[in-house]
């Protein structure tokens, strides 16, 4: 019975996230890349982690990632938990991969790998990477409007997105929550070869004492 409760808890967690990622509210516009920017995608994923040191550089990386996805028709509006390594190598991406990529790039530079999930009542939603700098919050994500800085708190970010979603005729945000990717998934979200959330669920199910 306890094992079934554990399964139900993790299944609800996955269902909540999949509802979001199966109905991501907005898809990105064509990205403009400045010629003087480093070619982050031409590096190994580990080298990119070494090279990117600031949120501004992470935003440039994500812009290059999105441009490649648009150009190669590898944007995906589905339920994915591909690691940063797989995203860097060219697997399909959506808002979760863009946010996780920014988190992976900045984790070793003193920024927490926090992703903010925002859900509407009909399952539509979005997620972005959130960082703190000089007592203000910034966001990095798959869309142009996701790259912004100067929010005083999470409520201001949510209000910012409610205005954007209203303009797109989408649901108002009913629920929002943070996930610390390092705390929940360890380094799997950076390096794992397959779906790292499914691995986490299965690992937790197999821990000693789970009956």
N, C-alpha and C. Protein backbone atom coordinates (compact mmCIF):
# COMPACT_ATOMS: atom_id res chain seq x y z
N UNK A 1 0.82 -1.21 0.00
CA UNK A 1 0.00 0.00 0.00
C UNK A 1 0.85 1.25 0.00
N UNK A 2 1.93 1.24 0.81
CA UNK A 2 2.82 2.40 0.85
C UNK A 2 3.49 2.61 -0.49
N UNK A 3 3.89 1.49 -1.15
CA UNK A 3 4.53 1.61 -2.46
C UNK A 3 3.56 2.20 -3.46
N UNK A 4 2.29 1.82 -3.38
CA UNK A 4 1.29 2.37 -4.30
C UNK A 4 1.12 3.87 -4.06
N UNK A 5 1.12 4.29 -2.77
CA UNK A 5 1.00 5.72 -2.49
C UNK A 5 2.18 6.49 -3.06
N UNK A 6 3.38 5.88 -2.93
CA UNK A 6 4.56 6.53 -3.50
C UNK A 6 4.44 6.67 -5.01
N UNK A 7 3.97 5.60 -5.65
CA UNK A 7 3.81 5.64 -7.10
C UNK A 7 2.81 6.71 -7.49
N UNK A 8 1.68 6.78 -6.77
CA UNK A 8 0.66 7.77 -7.08
C UNK A 8 1.19 9.19 -6.92
N UNK A 9 2.01 9.39 -5.89
CA UNK A 9 2.57 10.72 -5.66
C UNK A 9 3.47 11.13 -6.82
N UNK A 10 4.35 10.21 -7.26
CA UNK A 10 5.24 10.54 -8.37
C UNK A 10 4.48 10.63 -9.68
N UNK A 11 3.45 9.80 -9.84
CA UNK A 11 2.65 9.88 -11.06
C UNK A 11 1.95 11.23 -11.16
N UNK A 12 1.44 11.74 -10.03
CA UNK A 12 0.80 13.05 -10.05
C UNK A 12 1.80 14.14 -10.40
N UNK A 13 3.02 13.99 -9.87
CA UNK A 13 4.06 14.96 -10.18
C UNK A 13 4.36 15.00 -11.67
N UNK A 14 4.51 13.81 -12.26
CA UNK A 14 4.79 13.73 -13.70
C UNK A 14 3.60 14.23 -14.50
N UNK A 15 2.39 13.88 -14.06
CA UNK A 15 1.20 14.31 -14.79
C UNK A 15 1.08 15.83 -14.80
N UNK A 16 1.40 16.46 -13.66
CA UNK A 16 1.35 17.91 -13.57
C UNK A 16 2.32 18.54 -14.54
N UNK A 17 3.55 18.03 -14.54
CA UNK A 17 4.56 18.59 -15.44
C UNK A 17 4.22 18.29 -16.89
N UNK A 18 3.72 17.09 -17.16
CA UNK A 18 3.41 16.75 -18.55
C UNK A 18 2.25 17.58 -19.07
N UNK A 19 1.31 17.92 -18.19
CA UNK A 19 0.23 18.79 -18.62
C UNK A 19 0.77 20.13 -19.06
N UNK A 20 1.74 20.63 -18.32
CA UNK A 20 2.39 21.88 -18.70
C UNK A 20 3.10 21.74 -20.04
N UNK A 21 3.95 20.75 -20.14
CA UNK A 21 4.83 20.67 -21.30
C UNK A 21 4.11 20.18 -22.54
N UNK A 22 2.95 19.56 -22.35
CA UNK A 22 2.16 19.15 -23.51
C UNK A 22 1.38 20.32 -24.08
N UNK A 23 1.30 21.42 -23.34
CA UNK A 23 0.53 22.57 -23.80
C UNK A 23 1.25 23.87 -23.54
N UNK A 24 2.51 23.93 -23.91
CA UNK A 24 3.30 25.15 -23.69
C UNK A 24 2.64 26.30 -24.45
N UNK A 25 2.44 27.41 -23.75
CA UNK A 25 1.61 28.48 -24.28
C UNK A 25 2.17 29.14 -25.52
N UNK A 26 3.46 29.38 -25.55
CA UNK A 26 4.00 30.10 -26.69
C UNK A 26 5.27 29.46 -27.21
N UNK A 27 5.45 29.53 -28.49
CA UNK A 27 6.65 29.02 -29.12
C UNK A 27 7.51 30.20 -29.56
N UNK A 28 8.82 30.02 -29.63
CA UNK A 28 9.72 31.15 -29.87
C UNK A 28 9.68 31.67 -31.29
N UNK A 29 10.05 32.95 -31.39
CA UNK A 29 10.22 33.56 -32.70
C UNK A 29 11.63 33.30 -33.21
N UNK A 30 11.85 33.62 -34.47
CA UNK A 30 13.17 33.48 -35.07
C UNK A 30 14.20 34.25 -34.25
N UNK A 31 15.32 33.63 -33.97
CA UNK A 31 16.35 34.24 -33.14
C UNK A 31 17.43 34.90 -34.01
N UNK A 32 17.84 36.07 -33.59
CA UNK A 32 18.92 36.77 -34.28
C UNK A 32 20.20 36.59 -33.48
N UNK A 33 21.24 36.08 -34.12
CA UNK A 33 22.51 35.81 -33.46
C UNK A 33 23.55 36.80 -33.96
N UNK A 34 24.19 37.49 -33.04
CA UNK A 34 25.23 38.45 -33.42
C UNK A 34 26.51 37.69 -33.78
N UNK A 35 27.16 38.14 -34.83
CA UNK A 35 28.33 37.42 -35.35
C UNK A 35 29.47 37.36 -34.34
N UNK A 36 29.53 38.30 -33.41
CA UNK A 36 30.62 38.34 -32.45
C UNK A 36 30.40 37.40 -31.26
N UNK A 37 29.23 36.80 -31.17
CA UNK A 37 28.97 35.89 -30.07
C UNK A 37 29.80 34.62 -30.22
N UNK A 38 30.28 34.05 -29.11
CA UNK A 38 30.97 32.76 -29.20
C UNK A 38 30.03 31.69 -29.75
N UNK A 39 30.58 30.76 -30.48
CA UNK A 39 29.79 29.65 -31.03
C UNK A 39 29.70 28.57 -29.96
N UNK A 40 28.79 28.74 -29.03
CA UNK A 40 28.69 27.80 -27.91
C UNK A 40 28.33 26.39 -28.38
N UNK A 41 27.50 26.29 -29.40
CA UNK A 41 27.07 24.98 -29.86
C UNK A 41 28.17 24.24 -30.59
N UNK A 42 29.21 24.97 -31.00
CA UNK A 42 30.36 24.32 -31.63
C UNK A 42 31.32 23.73 -30.62
N UNK A 43 31.09 24.00 -29.34
CA UNK A 43 31.92 23.44 -28.27
C UNK A 43 31.30 22.15 -27.77
N UNK A 44 32.05 21.38 -26.99
CA UNK A 44 31.44 20.27 -26.26
C UNK A 44 30.54 20.85 -25.18
N UNK A 45 29.60 20.08 -24.70
CA UNK A 45 28.69 20.61 -23.68
C UNK A 45 29.43 20.95 -22.39
N UNK A 46 30.48 20.20 -22.07
CA UNK A 46 31.26 20.50 -20.87
C UNK A 46 32.06 21.79 -21.05
N UNK A 47 32.57 22.02 -22.26
CA UNK A 47 33.30 23.26 -22.54
C UNK A 47 32.36 24.45 -22.47
N UNK A 48 31.15 24.29 -22.94
CA UNK A 48 30.17 25.37 -22.86
C UNK A 48 29.90 25.74 -21.40
N UNK A 49 29.80 24.74 -20.53
CA UNK A 49 29.61 25.01 -19.11
C UNK A 49 30.78 25.83 -18.56
N UNK A 50 31.98 25.49 -18.98
CA UNK A 50 33.17 26.23 -18.52
C UNK A 50 33.17 27.67 -19.04
N UNK A 51 32.74 27.86 -20.28
CA UNK A 51 32.82 29.17 -20.91
C UNK A 51 31.75 30.14 -20.43
N UNK A 52 30.56 29.63 -20.19
CA UNK A 52 29.44 30.51 -19.79
C UNK A 52 29.54 30.80 -18.30
N UNK A 53 29.62 32.08 -17.96
CA UNK A 53 29.82 32.49 -16.57
C UNK A 53 28.72 33.39 -16.02
N UNK A 54 27.96 34.02 -16.89
CA UNK A 54 26.98 35.01 -16.45
C UNK A 54 25.61 34.70 -17.04
N UNK A 55 24.54 35.23 -16.42
CA UNK A 55 23.21 35.04 -17.00
C UNK A 55 23.09 35.59 -18.43
N UNK A 56 23.79 36.69 -18.70
CA UNK A 56 23.75 37.26 -20.04
C UNK A 56 24.33 36.28 -21.06
N UNK A 57 25.42 35.61 -20.70
CA UNK A 57 26.02 34.62 -21.59
C UNK A 57 25.12 33.39 -21.72
N UNK A 58 24.49 33.00 -20.62
CA UNK A 58 23.57 31.86 -20.67
C UNK A 58 22.39 32.16 -21.59
N UNK A 59 21.91 33.40 -21.56
CA UNK A 59 20.80 33.79 -22.44
C UNK A 59 21.23 33.73 -23.90
N UNK A 60 22.47 34.11 -24.18
CA UNK A 60 23.00 34.01 -25.55
C UNK A 60 23.08 32.54 -25.98
N UNK A 61 23.51 31.69 -25.07
CA UNK A 61 23.57 30.25 -25.39
C UNK A 61 22.17 29.74 -25.75
N UNK A 62 21.20 30.06 -24.90
CA UNK A 62 19.83 29.57 -25.14
C UNK A 62 19.31 30.11 -26.47
N UNK A 63 19.63 31.35 -26.80
CA UNK A 63 19.20 31.91 -28.07
C UNK A 63 19.78 31.11 -29.24
N UNK A 64 21.05 30.72 -29.13
CA UNK A 64 21.66 29.89 -30.18
C UNK A 64 21.00 28.52 -30.23
N UNK A 65 20.69 27.96 -29.08
CA UNK A 65 20.04 26.65 -29.02
C UNK A 65 18.67 26.70 -29.71
N UNK A 66 17.92 27.75 -29.42
CA UNK A 66 16.59 27.89 -30.01
C UNK A 66 16.68 28.13 -31.51
N UNK A 67 17.62 28.96 -31.94
CA UNK A 67 17.78 29.21 -33.38
C UNK A 67 18.07 27.91 -34.12
N UNK A 68 18.97 27.09 -33.57
CA UNK A 68 19.27 25.81 -34.22
C UNK A 68 18.03 24.94 -34.27
N UNK A 69 17.26 24.93 -33.20
CA UNK A 69 16.05 24.10 -33.17
C UNK A 69 15.04 24.56 -34.20
N UNK A 70 14.89 25.88 -34.35
CA UNK A 70 13.97 26.41 -35.36
C UNK A 70 14.46 26.07 -36.76
N UNK A 71 15.75 26.30 -36.99
CA UNK A 71 16.31 26.05 -38.33
C UNK A 71 16.25 24.58 -38.72
N UNK A 72 16.37 23.69 -37.74
CA UNK A 72 16.39 22.25 -38.03
C UNK A 72 15.05 21.58 -37.75
N UNK A 73 14.03 22.39 -37.46
CA UNK A 73 12.69 21.87 -37.18
C UNK A 73 12.72 20.86 -36.04
N UNK A 74 13.45 21.18 -34.98
CA UNK A 74 13.53 20.27 -33.84
C UNK A 74 12.98 20.89 -32.56
N UNK A 75 12.10 21.88 -32.72
CA UNK A 75 11.33 22.34 -31.57
C UNK A 75 10.23 21.33 -31.30
N UNK A 76 9.93 21.13 -30.02
CA UNK A 76 8.92 20.14 -29.67
C UNK A 76 8.04 20.72 -28.58
N UNK A 77 6.73 20.65 -28.76
CA UNK A 77 5.80 21.16 -27.76
C UNK A 77 5.28 20.03 -26.88
N UNK A 78 6.08 18.99 -26.72
CA UNK A 78 5.63 17.81 -25.97
C UNK A 78 6.27 17.69 -24.60
N UNK A 79 6.19 16.48 -24.06
CA UNK A 79 6.64 16.19 -22.70
C UNK A 79 8.05 15.62 -22.76
N UNK A 80 9.04 16.47 -22.48
CA UNK A 80 10.43 16.03 -22.56
C UNK A 80 11.18 16.36 -21.27
N UNK A 81 12.10 15.49 -20.91
CA UNK A 81 13.06 15.80 -19.85
C UNK A 81 14.43 15.34 -20.34
N UNK A 82 14.88 15.93 -21.43
CA UNK A 82 16.20 15.61 -21.95
C UNK A 82 17.24 16.40 -21.17
N UNK A 83 18.38 15.78 -20.90
CA UNK A 83 19.44 16.45 -20.16
C UNK A 83 20.06 17.57 -20.98
N UNK A 84 20.84 18.41 -20.30
CA UNK A 84 21.56 19.47 -21.01
C UNK A 84 22.47 18.88 -22.09
N UNK A 85 23.12 17.77 -21.79
CA UNK A 85 24.00 17.12 -22.77
C UNK A 85 23.23 16.78 -24.04
N UNK A 86 22.06 16.17 -23.90
CA UNK A 86 21.28 15.77 -25.07
C UNK A 86 20.76 16.98 -25.84
N UNK A 87 20.33 18.01 -25.10
CA UNK A 87 19.87 19.23 -25.78
C UNK A 87 21.00 19.86 -26.57
N UNK A 88 22.18 19.91 -25.97
CA UNK A 88 23.35 20.49 -26.63
C UNK A 88 23.70 19.72 -27.89
N UNK A 89 23.49 18.40 -27.85
CA UNK A 89 23.84 17.55 -28.98
C UNK A 89 22.81 17.59 -30.11
N UNK A 90 21.68 18.27 -29.87
CA UNK A 90 20.74 18.46 -30.97
C UNK A 90 19.40 17.75 -30.85
N UNK A 91 19.11 17.16 -29.69
CA UNK A 91 17.80 16.54 -29.51
C UNK A 91 16.71 17.62 -29.46
N UNK A 92 15.48 17.23 -29.68
CA UNK A 92 14.38 18.19 -29.67
C UNK A 92 14.28 18.90 -28.33
N UNK A 93 13.89 20.16 -28.37
CA UNK A 93 13.78 20.95 -27.15
C UNK A 93 12.41 21.60 -27.05
N UNK A 94 12.01 21.90 -25.83
CA UNK A 94 10.87 22.76 -25.56
C UNK A 94 11.26 23.67 -24.40
N UNK A 95 10.28 24.27 -23.72
CA UNK A 95 10.62 25.24 -22.69
C UNK A 95 11.39 24.60 -21.53
N UNK A 96 11.15 23.31 -21.26
CA UNK A 96 11.87 22.67 -20.15
C UNK A 96 13.35 22.51 -20.45
N UNK A 97 13.70 22.16 -21.69
CA UNK A 97 15.11 22.03 -22.04
C UNK A 97 15.82 23.38 -22.06
N UNK A 98 15.14 24.41 -22.52
CA UNK A 98 15.75 25.74 -22.53
C UNK A 98 16.06 26.19 -21.11
N UNK A 99 15.11 26.01 -20.20
CA UNK A 99 15.31 26.41 -18.81
C UNK A 99 16.40 25.58 -18.15
N UNK A 100 16.39 24.27 -18.38
CA UNK A 100 17.40 23.39 -17.78
C UNK A 100 18.79 23.69 -18.33
N UNK A 101 18.87 24.10 -19.58
CA UNK A 101 20.17 24.44 -20.16
C UNK A 101 20.78 25.64 -19.45
N UNK A 102 19.98 26.67 -19.24
CA UNK A 102 20.48 27.84 -18.51
C UNK A 102 20.91 27.46 -17.10
N UNK A 103 20.13 26.61 -16.45
CA UNK A 103 20.47 26.17 -15.10
C UNK A 103 21.79 25.42 -15.07
N UNK A 104 21.98 24.51 -16.04
CA UNK A 104 23.21 23.72 -16.10
C UNK A 104 24.44 24.60 -16.34
N UNK A 105 24.28 25.60 -17.19
CA UNK A 105 25.41 26.46 -17.54
C UNK A 105 25.86 27.32 -16.37
N UNK A 106 24.94 27.68 -15.49
CA UNK A 106 25.26 28.63 -14.42
C UNK A 106 25.40 28.00 -13.05
N UNK A 107 25.13 26.70 -12.95
CA UNK A 107 25.19 26.04 -11.64
C UNK A 107 26.57 26.17 -11.00
N UNK A 108 27.63 26.06 -11.80
CA UNK A 108 28.98 26.12 -11.25
C UNK A 108 29.48 27.55 -11.07
N UNK A 109 28.61 28.53 -11.31
CA UNK A 109 28.99 29.93 -11.17
C UNK A 109 28.26 30.62 -10.02
N UNK A 110 27.70 29.81 -9.12
CA UNK A 110 27.08 30.36 -7.93
C UNK A 110 25.60 30.63 -8.03
N UNK A 111 24.96 30.20 -9.11
CA UNK A 111 23.53 30.40 -9.29
C UNK A 111 22.78 29.09 -9.04
N UNK A 112 21.72 29.13 -8.28
CA UNK A 112 20.94 27.93 -8.03
C UNK A 112 20.20 27.51 -9.29
N UNK A 113 20.11 26.20 -9.55
CA UNK A 113 19.42 25.71 -10.75
C UNK A 113 17.90 25.64 -10.54
N UNK A 114 17.29 26.81 -10.45
CA UNK A 114 15.86 26.89 -10.14
C UNK A 114 15.04 27.11 -11.41
N UNK A 115 14.02 26.28 -11.58
CA UNK A 115 13.10 26.43 -12.71
C UNK A 115 11.71 26.70 -12.15
N UNK A 116 11.08 27.74 -12.67
CA UNK A 116 9.73 28.12 -12.26
C UNK A 116 8.73 27.55 -13.25
N UNK A 117 7.82 26.71 -12.73
CA UNK A 117 6.75 26.14 -13.54
C UNK A 117 5.47 26.94 -13.28
N UNK A 118 4.75 27.27 -14.34
CA UNK A 118 3.51 28.04 -14.24
C UNK A 118 2.42 27.32 -15.03
N UNK A 119 1.29 27.04 -14.38
CA UNK A 119 0.23 26.25 -15.00
C UNK A 119 -1.10 26.97 -14.99
N UNK A 120 -1.83 26.87 -16.09
CA UNK A 120 -3.20 27.35 -16.16
C UNK A 120 -4.16 26.22 -15.84
N UNK A 121 -5.42 26.53 -15.69
CA UNK A 121 -6.40 25.54 -15.26
C UNK A 121 -6.66 24.48 -16.32
N UNK A 122 -6.42 24.78 -17.58
CA UNK A 122 -6.67 23.83 -18.65
C UNK A 122 -5.43 23.05 -19.07
N UNK A 123 -4.36 23.15 -18.27
CA UNK A 123 -3.16 22.38 -18.57
C UNK A 123 -2.13 23.12 -19.39
N UNK A 124 -2.49 24.32 -19.87
CA UNK A 124 -1.50 25.12 -20.57
C UNK A 124 -0.51 25.69 -19.55
N UNK A 125 0.68 25.98 -20.00
CA UNK A 125 1.64 26.54 -19.07
C UNK A 125 2.97 26.80 -19.70
N UNK A 126 3.94 27.05 -18.84
CA UNK A 126 5.26 27.45 -19.31
C UNK A 126 6.24 27.26 -18.16
N UNK A 127 7.54 27.20 -18.49
CA UNK A 127 8.55 27.20 -17.44
C UNK A 127 9.77 27.99 -17.88
N UNK A 128 10.45 28.60 -16.92
CA UNK A 128 11.64 29.40 -17.19
C UNK A 128 12.65 29.19 -16.07
N UNK A 129 13.90 29.43 -16.39
CA UNK A 129 14.96 29.46 -15.39
C UNK A 129 14.92 30.81 -14.67
N UNK A 130 15.09 30.78 -13.36
CA UNK A 130 15.07 32.01 -12.55
C UNK A 130 16.37 32.13 -11.78
N UNK A 131 16.99 33.29 -11.84
CA UNK A 131 18.23 33.54 -11.10
C UNK A 131 18.11 34.84 -10.30
N UNK A 132 18.95 34.95 -9.30
CA UNK A 132 18.98 36.17 -8.49
C UNK A 132 20.31 36.87 -8.67
N UNK A 133 20.25 38.18 -8.86
CA UNK A 133 21.46 38.98 -9.05
C UNK A 133 21.19 40.39 -8.52
N UNK A 134 22.03 40.82 -7.60
CA UNK A 134 21.91 42.16 -7.01
C UNK A 134 20.51 42.40 -6.45
N UNK A 135 20.01 41.40 -5.72
CA UNK A 135 18.72 41.49 -5.03
C UNK A 135 17.52 41.62 -5.98
N UNK A 136 17.72 41.30 -7.24
CA UNK A 136 16.63 41.26 -8.20
C UNK A 136 16.60 39.89 -8.87
N UNK A 137 15.46 39.52 -9.41
CA UNK A 137 15.30 38.25 -10.10
C UNK A 137 15.32 38.45 -11.61
N UNK A 138 15.92 37.49 -12.29
CA UNK A 138 15.92 37.48 -13.75
C UNK A 138 15.42 36.15 -14.25
N UNK A 139 15.03 36.10 -15.52
CA UNK A 139 14.51 34.87 -16.13
C UNK A 139 15.21 34.62 -17.47
N UNK A 140 15.35 33.35 -17.80
CA UNK A 140 15.90 32.92 -19.09
C UNK A 140 15.03 31.76 -19.57
N UNK A 141 14.66 31.80 -20.86
CA UNK A 141 13.83 30.73 -21.39
C UNK A 141 13.82 30.70 -22.90
N UNK A 142 12.88 29.96 -23.43
CA UNK A 142 12.86 29.64 -24.86
C UNK A 142 12.35 30.80 -25.72
N UNK A 143 11.54 31.69 -25.16
CA UNK A 143 10.95 32.78 -25.92
C UNK A 143 11.71 34.09 -25.72
N UNK A 144 11.54 35.02 -26.63
CA UNK A 144 12.19 36.31 -26.49
C UNK A 144 11.80 37.01 -25.19
N UNK A 145 10.53 36.93 -24.83
CA UNK A 145 10.07 37.61 -23.61
C UNK A 145 10.54 36.91 -22.33
N UNK A 146 11.13 35.73 -22.48
CA UNK A 146 11.63 35.01 -21.31
C UNK A 146 12.96 35.55 -20.81
N UNK A 147 13.63 36.36 -21.59
CA UNK A 147 14.93 36.88 -21.20
C UNK A 147 14.77 38.29 -20.66
N UNK A 148 14.63 38.37 -19.34
CA UNK A 148 14.30 39.64 -18.70
C UNK A 148 14.90 39.65 -17.30
N UNK A 149 15.09 40.85 -16.77
CA UNK A 149 15.71 41.00 -15.45
C UNK A 149 15.10 42.22 -14.75
N UNK A 150 15.10 42.16 -13.41
CA UNK A 150 14.64 43.31 -12.63
C UNK A 150 13.39 43.07 -11.82
N UNK A 151 12.93 41.82 -11.73
CA UNK A 151 11.74 41.51 -10.95
C UNK A 151 12.07 41.54 -9.46
N UNK A 152 11.16 42.06 -8.66
CA UNK A 152 11.43 42.15 -7.22
C UNK A 152 11.12 40.85 -6.49
N UNK A 153 10.20 40.04 -7.04
CA UNK A 153 9.85 38.77 -6.41
C UNK A 153 9.15 37.86 -7.42
N UNK A 154 8.81 36.65 -6.97
CA UNK A 154 8.17 35.67 -7.86
C UNK A 154 6.80 36.14 -8.31
N UNK A 155 6.04 36.79 -7.42
CA UNK A 155 4.71 37.27 -7.79
C UNK A 155 4.78 38.23 -8.98
N UNK A 156 5.83 39.04 -9.02
CA UNK A 156 5.97 39.98 -10.14
C UNK A 156 6.24 39.23 -11.44
N UNK A 157 7.00 38.13 -11.36
CA UNK A 157 7.22 37.31 -12.55
C UNK A 157 5.91 36.70 -13.03
N UNK A 158 5.14 36.14 -12.10
CA UNK A 158 3.87 35.52 -12.45
C UNK A 158 2.92 36.55 -13.07
N UNK A 159 2.86 37.74 -12.49
CA UNK A 159 2.01 38.80 -13.07
C UNK A 159 2.48 39.19 -14.46
N UNK A 160 3.78 39.21 -14.66
CA UNK A 160 4.36 39.51 -15.98
C UNK A 160 3.87 38.50 -17.01
N UNK A 161 3.87 37.21 -16.63
CA UNK A 161 3.43 36.18 -17.56
C UNK A 161 1.92 36.16 -17.74
N UNK A 162 1.18 36.50 -16.71
CA UNK A 162 -0.27 36.57 -16.86
C UNK A 162 -0.65 37.59 -17.93
N UNK A 163 0.06 38.70 -17.98
CA UNK A 163 -0.22 39.70 -19.01
C UNK A 163 0.13 39.17 -20.40
N UNK A 164 1.25 38.45 -20.49
CA UNK A 164 1.64 37.86 -21.78
C UNK A 164 0.62 36.81 -22.21
N UNK A 165 0.23 35.93 -21.28
CA UNK A 165 -0.72 34.87 -21.62
C UNK A 165 -2.08 35.45 -22.00
N UNK A 166 -2.49 36.51 -21.31
CA UNK A 166 -3.77 37.14 -21.65
C UNK A 166 -3.75 37.64 -23.09
N UNK A 167 -2.62 38.19 -23.49
CA UNK A 167 -2.49 38.68 -24.86
C UNK A 167 -2.52 37.57 -25.89
N UNK A 168 -2.22 36.35 -25.47
CA UNK A 168 -2.24 35.19 -26.38
C UNK A 168 -3.55 34.42 -26.28
N UNK A 169 -4.48 34.92 -25.45
CA UNK A 169 -5.75 34.23 -25.27
C UNK A 169 -5.63 32.95 -24.47
N UNK A 170 -4.61 32.86 -23.62
CA UNK A 170 -4.36 31.64 -22.84
C UNK A 170 -4.90 31.80 -21.41
N UNK A 171 -4.89 30.68 -20.69
CA UNK A 171 -5.39 30.68 -19.32
C UNK A 171 -4.55 31.55 -18.41
N UNK A 172 -5.19 32.09 -17.39
CA UNK A 172 -4.47 32.74 -16.31
C UNK A 172 -3.74 31.67 -15.51
N UNK A 173 -2.58 32.02 -14.97
CA UNK A 173 -1.81 31.06 -14.18
C UNK A 173 -2.55 30.74 -12.88
N UNK A 174 -2.83 29.47 -12.67
CA UNK A 174 -3.53 29.02 -11.46
C UNK A 174 -2.56 28.48 -10.42
N UNK A 175 -1.45 27.91 -10.87
CA UNK A 175 -0.47 27.31 -9.96
C UNK A 175 0.93 27.65 -10.46
N UNK A 176 1.83 27.88 -9.52
CA UNK A 176 3.24 28.01 -9.89
C UNK A 176 4.09 27.43 -8.77
N UNK A 177 5.22 26.88 -9.14
CA UNK A 177 6.11 26.26 -8.15
C UNK A 177 7.52 26.19 -8.72
N UNK A 178 8.48 26.14 -7.81
CA UNK A 178 9.89 26.03 -8.20
C UNK A 178 10.36 24.59 -8.07
N UNK A 179 11.28 24.19 -8.94
CA UNK A 179 12.01 22.93 -8.81
C UNK A 179 13.49 23.26 -8.86
N UNK A 180 14.22 22.85 -7.80
CA UNK A 180 15.67 22.93 -7.80
C UNK A 180 16.18 21.67 -8.49
N UNK A 181 16.67 21.81 -9.72
CA UNK A 181 17.02 20.64 -10.52
C UNK A 181 18.14 19.83 -9.89
N UNK A 182 19.11 20.48 -9.30
CA UNK A 182 20.21 19.77 -8.65
C UNK A 182 19.71 18.99 -7.45
N UNK A 183 18.87 19.62 -6.64
CA UNK A 183 18.36 18.98 -5.43
C UNK A 183 17.48 17.78 -5.77
N UNK A 184 16.68 17.90 -6.82
CA UNK A 184 15.74 16.81 -7.14
C UNK A 184 16.37 15.73 -8.01
N UNK A 185 17.21 16.14 -8.97
CA UNK A 185 17.71 15.16 -9.95
C UNK A 185 19.20 14.92 -9.89
N UNK A 186 19.90 15.59 -8.97
CA UNK A 186 21.35 15.47 -8.96
C UNK A 186 21.93 15.98 -10.26
N UNK A 187 22.99 15.36 -10.74
CA UNK A 187 23.61 15.79 -12.00
C UNK A 187 22.98 15.11 -13.22
N UNK A 188 21.95 14.29 -13.00
CA UNK A 188 21.30 13.63 -14.15
C UNK A 188 20.72 14.64 -15.12
N UNK A 189 20.21 15.76 -14.60
CA UNK A 189 19.60 16.73 -15.52
C UNK A 189 20.64 17.37 -16.44
N UNK A 190 21.91 17.23 -16.08
CA UNK A 190 22.98 17.77 -16.92
C UNK A 190 23.55 16.73 -17.87
N UNK A 191 23.71 15.48 -17.40
CA UNK A 191 24.52 14.51 -18.13
C UNK A 191 23.79 13.25 -18.60
N UNK A 192 22.59 12.97 -18.07
CA UNK A 192 21.94 11.68 -18.32
C UNK A 192 21.57 11.52 -19.79
N UNK A 193 21.59 10.29 -20.27
CA UNK A 193 21.35 10.03 -21.70
C UNK A 193 19.88 9.91 -22.07
N UNK A 194 19.01 9.77 -21.08
CA UNK A 194 17.59 9.61 -21.38
C UNK A 194 16.74 10.53 -20.51
N UNK A 195 15.48 10.17 -20.30
CA UNK A 195 14.53 10.98 -19.55
C UNK A 195 14.92 10.98 -18.07
N UNK A 196 15.42 12.11 -17.56
CA UNK A 196 15.96 12.12 -16.20
C UNK A 196 14.86 12.15 -15.14
N UNK A 197 13.67 12.66 -15.46
CA UNK A 197 12.60 12.64 -14.46
C UNK A 197 12.08 11.21 -14.26
N UNK A 198 11.93 10.47 -15.34
CA UNK A 198 11.50 9.08 -15.22
C UNK A 198 12.52 8.27 -14.41
N UNK A 199 13.80 8.51 -14.65
CA UNK A 199 14.84 7.82 -13.88
C UNK A 199 14.71 8.14 -12.40
N UNK A 200 14.44 9.40 -12.08
CA UNK A 200 14.28 9.81 -10.68
C UNK A 200 13.12 9.07 -10.04
N UNK A 201 12.01 8.98 -10.74
CA UNK A 201 10.85 8.29 -10.21
C UNK A 201 11.16 6.82 -9.94
N UNK A 202 11.81 6.16 -10.90
CA UNK A 202 12.13 4.74 -10.74
C UNK A 202 13.15 4.53 -9.63
N UNK A 203 14.15 5.41 -9.54
CA UNK A 203 15.14 5.30 -8.47
C UNK A 203 14.48 5.43 -7.10
N UNK A 204 13.58 6.38 -6.97
CA UNK A 204 12.90 6.58 -5.69
C UNK A 204 12.01 5.39 -5.33
N UNK A 205 11.40 4.81 -6.35
CA UNK A 205 10.55 3.64 -6.11
C UNK A 205 11.36 2.46 -5.59
N UNK A 206 12.64 2.38 -5.99
CA UNK A 206 13.47 1.23 -5.63
C UNK A 206 14.30 1.45 -4.37
N UNK A 207 14.17 2.61 -3.72
CA UNK A 207 14.95 2.84 -2.50
C UNK A 207 14.54 1.87 -1.41
N UNK A 208 15.50 1.46 -0.56
CA UNK A 208 15.17 0.56 0.55
C UNK A 208 14.08 1.17 1.42
N UNK A 209 13.15 0.32 1.83
CA UNK A 209 12.07 0.78 2.70
C UNK A 209 10.82 1.16 1.95
N UNK A 210 10.88 1.26 0.63
CA UNK A 210 9.68 1.55 -0.15
C UNK A 210 8.89 0.26 -0.35
N UNK A 211 7.78 0.18 0.29
CA UNK A 211 6.94 -1.02 0.22
C UNK A 211 5.60 -0.70 -0.40
